[in-house]
Amino acid sequence: MRDDLFLKGPWVLAAFRSRQQVMQADSLMRRRGIATSIVTTPRAIAVGCGLSLQALEKDVEIVRDVLRKIPRDSLVGLYSFEGVSGSRVDVTPIGLENPQVNPG
C-alpha cells in the first residue's frame, strides 16, 4: 500500500461482492499503471465483501474502463470517496458512466 500517495485524495472506490473479485480488479488496474490500495469498505456503503479497491480520482476514467470489462454482477458500485474529519468520510455513488467526477 502506498500510504503517502493516498493521503492526498480525493479518491474513487470500487466495492465488490467477493474478495477474489477485489484482488482480480486490483491486478487489472495495476497492469494499466493505476496506483491502487485495497481498503476496508466504508460503513456508508455497507454492501459486499468488506473490502474495496481505492484509486486516485484523477485516474477515474481508466478505473471505469477496467471495471466495464469485468462481469457487472461482481461489482457493487463505484463511488467518490473523501475523508471529511477524523474517521468520517463522504461516499457518493458515481457509477461507470456518470461524468460527475472530473479527472485531473
C-alpha atoms as a PDB file:
ATOM      1  CA  MET A   1       0.000   0.000   0.000  1.00  0.00           C
ATOM      2  CA  ARG A   2       1.268   3.483  -0.829  1.00  0.00           C
ATOM      3  CA  ASP A   3       0.002   5.469   2.154  1.00  0.00           C
ATOM      4  CA  ASP A   4       1.783   8.703   1.180  1.00  0.00           C
ATOM      5  CA  LEU A   5       0.046   8.720  -2.211  1.00  0.00           C
ATOM      6  CA  PHE A   6      -3.399   8.006  -0.801  1.00  0.00           C
ATOM      7  CA  LEU A   7      -3.238  10.667   1.913  1.00  0.00           C
ATOM      8  CA  LYS A   8      -3.697  13.286  -0.797  1.00  0.00           C
ATOM      9  CA  GLY A   9      -7.124  12.132  -2.070  1.00  0.00           C
ATOM     10  CA  PRO A  10      -9.787  12.580  -3.276  1.00  0.00           C
ATOM     11  CA  TRP A  11     -10.351   9.017  -4.345  1.00  0.00           C
ATOM     12  CA  VAL A  12     -12.648   6.684  -6.147  1.00  0.00           C
ATOM     13  CA  LEU A  13     -13.672   3.464  -4.501  1.00  0.00           C
ATOM     14  CA  ALA A  14     -14.858   0.290  -6.226  1.00  0.00           C
ATOM     15  CA  ALA A  15     -16.823  -2.074  -3.971  1.00  0.00           C
ATOM     16  CA  PHE A  16     -17.139  -5.756  -4.891  1.00  0.00           C
ATOM     17  CA  ARG A  17     -19.173  -8.787  -3.857  1.00  0.00           C
ATOM     18  CA  SER A  18     -16.163 -11.020  -3.135  1.00  0.00           C
ATOM     19  CA  ARG A  19     -12.558 -10.656  -2.052  1.00  0.00           C
ATOM     20  CA  GLN A  20     -11.422 -12.652  -5.076  1.00  0.00           C
ATOM     21  CA  GLN A  21     -13.003 -10.009  -7.334  1.00  0.00           C
ATOM     22  CA  VAL A  22     -11.218  -7.235  -5.414  1.00  0.00           C
ATOM     23  CA  MET A  23      -7.885  -8.987  -5.983  1.00  0.00           C
ATOM     24  CA  GLN A  24      -8.630  -9.537  -9.683  1.00  0.00           C
ATOM     25  CA  ALA A  25      -9.591  -5.881 -10.222  1.00  0.00           C
ATOM     26  CA  ASP A  26      -6.500  -4.743  -8.303  1.00  0.00           C
ATOM     27  CA  SER A  27      -4.301  -6.792 -10.611  1.00  0.00           C
ATOM     28  CA  LEU A  28      -6.026  -5.434 -13.740  1.00  0.00           C
ATOM     29  CA  MET A  29      -5.690  -1.824 -12.530  1.00  0.00           C
ATOM     30  CA  ARG A  30      -2.005  -2.213 -11.707  1.00  0.00           C
ATOM     31  CA  ARG A  31      -1.357  -3.674 -15.170  1.00  0.00           C
ATOM     32  CA  ARG A  32      -2.860  -0.464 -16.569  1.00  0.00           C
ATOM     33  CA  GLY A  33      -0.495   1.601 -14.416  1.00  0.00           C
ATOM     34  CA  ILE A  34      -3.067   2.717 -11.834  1.00  0.00           C
ATOM     35  CA  ALA A  35      -1.912   3.044  -8.229  1.00  0.00           C
ATOM     36  CA  THR A  36      -4.441   1.185  -6.088  1.00  0.00           C
ATOM     37  CA  SER A  37      -4.932   0.187  -2.495  1.00  0.00           C
ATOM     38  CA  ILE A  38      -7.205  -2.483  -1.034  1.00  0.00           C
ATOM     39  CA  VAL A  39      -9.133  -0.910   1.841  1.00  0.00           C
ATOM     40  CA  THR A  40     -11.965  -1.728   4.206  1.00  0.00           C
ATOM     41  CA  THR A  41     -15.303  -0.797   2.637  1.00  0.00           C
ATOM     42  CA  PRO A  42     -16.735   2.274   4.427  1.00  0.00           C
ATOM     43  CA  ARG A  43     -19.867   1.729   6.520  1.00  0.00           C
ATOM     44  CA  ALA A  44     -21.724   4.176   4.275  1.00  0.00           C
ATOM     45  CA  ILE A  45     -21.630   1.524   1.529  1.00  0.00           C
ATOM     46  CA  ALA A  46     -22.170  -1.493   3.821  1.00  0.00           C
ATOM     47  CA  VAL A  47     -22.631  -3.961   0.965  1.00  0.00           C
ATOM     48  CA  GLY A  48     -20.312  -6.584  -0.469  1.00  0.00           C
ATOM     49  CA  CYS A  49     -17.350  -8.487   0.917  1.00  0.00           C
ATOM     50  CA  GLY A  50     -15.988  -5.801   3.234  1.00  0.00           C
ATOM     51  CA  LEU A  51     -13.033  -4.872   1.013  1.00  0.00           C
ATOM     52  CA  SER A  52     -12.897  -2.264  -1.733  1.00  0.00           C
ATOM     53  CA  LEU A  53     -10.370  -1.015  -4.215  1.00  0.00           C
ATOM     54  CA  GLN A  54      -9.243   2.590  -3.846  1.00  0.00           C
ATOM     55  CA  ALA A  55      -7.631   4.691  -6.601  1.00  0.00           C
ATOM     56  CA  LEU A  56      -6.948   8.380  -7.045  1.00  0.00           C
ATOM     57  CA  GLU A  57      -9.804  10.372  -8.562  1.00  0.00           C
ATOM     58  CA  LYS A  58      -7.524  11.614 -11.355  1.00  0.00           C
ATOM     59  CA  ASP A  59      -7.487   8.031 -12.697  1.00  0.00           C
ATOM     60  CA  VAL A  60     -11.281   7.595 -12.691  1.00  0.00           C
ATOM     61  CA  GLU A  61     -11.657   7.146 -16.458  1.00  0.00           C
ATOM     62  CA  ILE A  62      -9.099   4.321 -16.570  1.00  0.00           C
ATOM     63  CA  VAL A  63     -10.731   2.772 -13.494  1.00  0.00           C
ATOM     64  CA  ARG A  64     -14.112   2.904 -15.245  1.00  0.00           C
ATOM     65  CA  ASP A  65     -12.629   1.372 -18.385  1.00  0.00           C
ATOM     66  CA  VAL A  66     -11.198  -1.567 -16.407  1.00  0.00           C
ATOM     67  CA  LEU A  67     -14.425  -2.066 -14.430  1.00  0.00           C
ATOM     68  CA  ARG A  68     -16.511  -2.143 -17.619  1.00  0.00           C
ATOM     69  CA  LYS A  69     -14.516  -5.204 -18.707  1.00  0.00           C
ATOM     70  CA  ILE A  70     -15.308  -7.331 -15.659  1.00  0.00           C
ATOM     71  CA  PRO A  71     -18.685  -9.018 -15.018  1.00  0.00           C
ATOM     72  CA  ARG A  72     -21.185  -6.401 -13.823  1.00  0.00           C
ATOM     73  CA  ASP A  73     -22.634  -8.734 -11.194  1.00  0.00           C
ATOM     74  CA  SER A  74     -19.267  -8.783  -9.388  1.00  0.00           C
ATOM     75  CA  LEU A  75     -19.293  -5.012  -8.803  1.00  0.00           C
ATOM     76  CA  VAL A  76     -21.381  -3.416  -6.041  1.00  0.00           C
ATOM     77  CA  GLY A  77     -20.601   0.092  -7.272  1.00  0.00           C
ATOM     78  CA  LEU A  78     -18.132   2.883  -7.976  1.00  0.00           C
ATOM     79  CA  TYR A  79     -18.031   5.789  -5.540  1.00  0.00           C
ATOM     80  CA  SER A  80     -16.390   9.145  -4.995  1.00  0.00           C
ATOM     81  CA  PHE A  81     -14.734   8.935  -1.589  1.00  0.00           C
ATOM     82  CA  GLU A  82     -13.317  11.747   0.575  1.00  0.00           C
ATOM     83  CA  GLY A  83     -12.164  11.972   4.163  1.00  0.00           C
ATOM     84  CA  VAL A  84     -14.064  14.717   5.942  1.00  0.00           C
ATOM     85  CA  SER A  85     -12.836  14.801   9.526  1.00  0.00           C
ATOM     86  CA  GLY A  86     -11.310  12.176  11.743  1.00  0.00           C
ATOM     87  CA  SER A  87     -12.620   8.814  10.584  1.00  0.00           C
ATOM     88  CA  ARG A  88     -15.755  10.246   8.910  1.00  0.00           C
ATOM     89  CA  VAL A  89     -15.932  10.009   5.118  1.00  0.00           C
ATOM     90  CA  ASP A  90     -18.234  11.218   2.365  1.00  0.00           C
ATOM     91  CA  VAL A  91     -19.156   8.497  -0.113  1.00  0.00           C
ATOM     92  CA  THR A  92     -21.114   9.369  -3.273  1.00  0.00           C
ATOM     93  CA  PRO A  93     -22.157   6.823  -5.950  1.00  0.00           C
ATOM     94  CA  ILE A  94     -20.743   7.844  -9.338  1.00  0.00           C
ATOM     95  CA  GLY A  95     -21.319   4.728 -11.455  1.00  0.00           C
ATOM     96  CA  LEU A  96     -19.457   3.580 -14.528  1.00  0.00           C
ATOM     97  CA  GLU A  97     -20.997   6.060 -16.971  1.00  0.00           C
ATOM     98  CA  ASN A  98     -21.622   9.131 -14.788  1.00  0.00           C
ATOM     99  CA  PRO A  99     -19.298  12.073 -15.648  1.00  0.00           C
ATOM    100  CA  GLN A 100     -19.775  13.555 -12.150  1.00  0.00           C
ATOM    101  CA  VAL A 101     -16.110  13.136 -11.135  1.00  0.00           C
ATOM    102  CA  ASN A 102     -13.640  15.153 -13.195  1.00  0.00           C
ATOM    103  CA  PRO A 103     -10.203  13.543 -13.555  1.00  0.00           C
ATOM    104  CA  GLY A 104      -7.191  15.797 -13.229  1.00  0.00           C
END
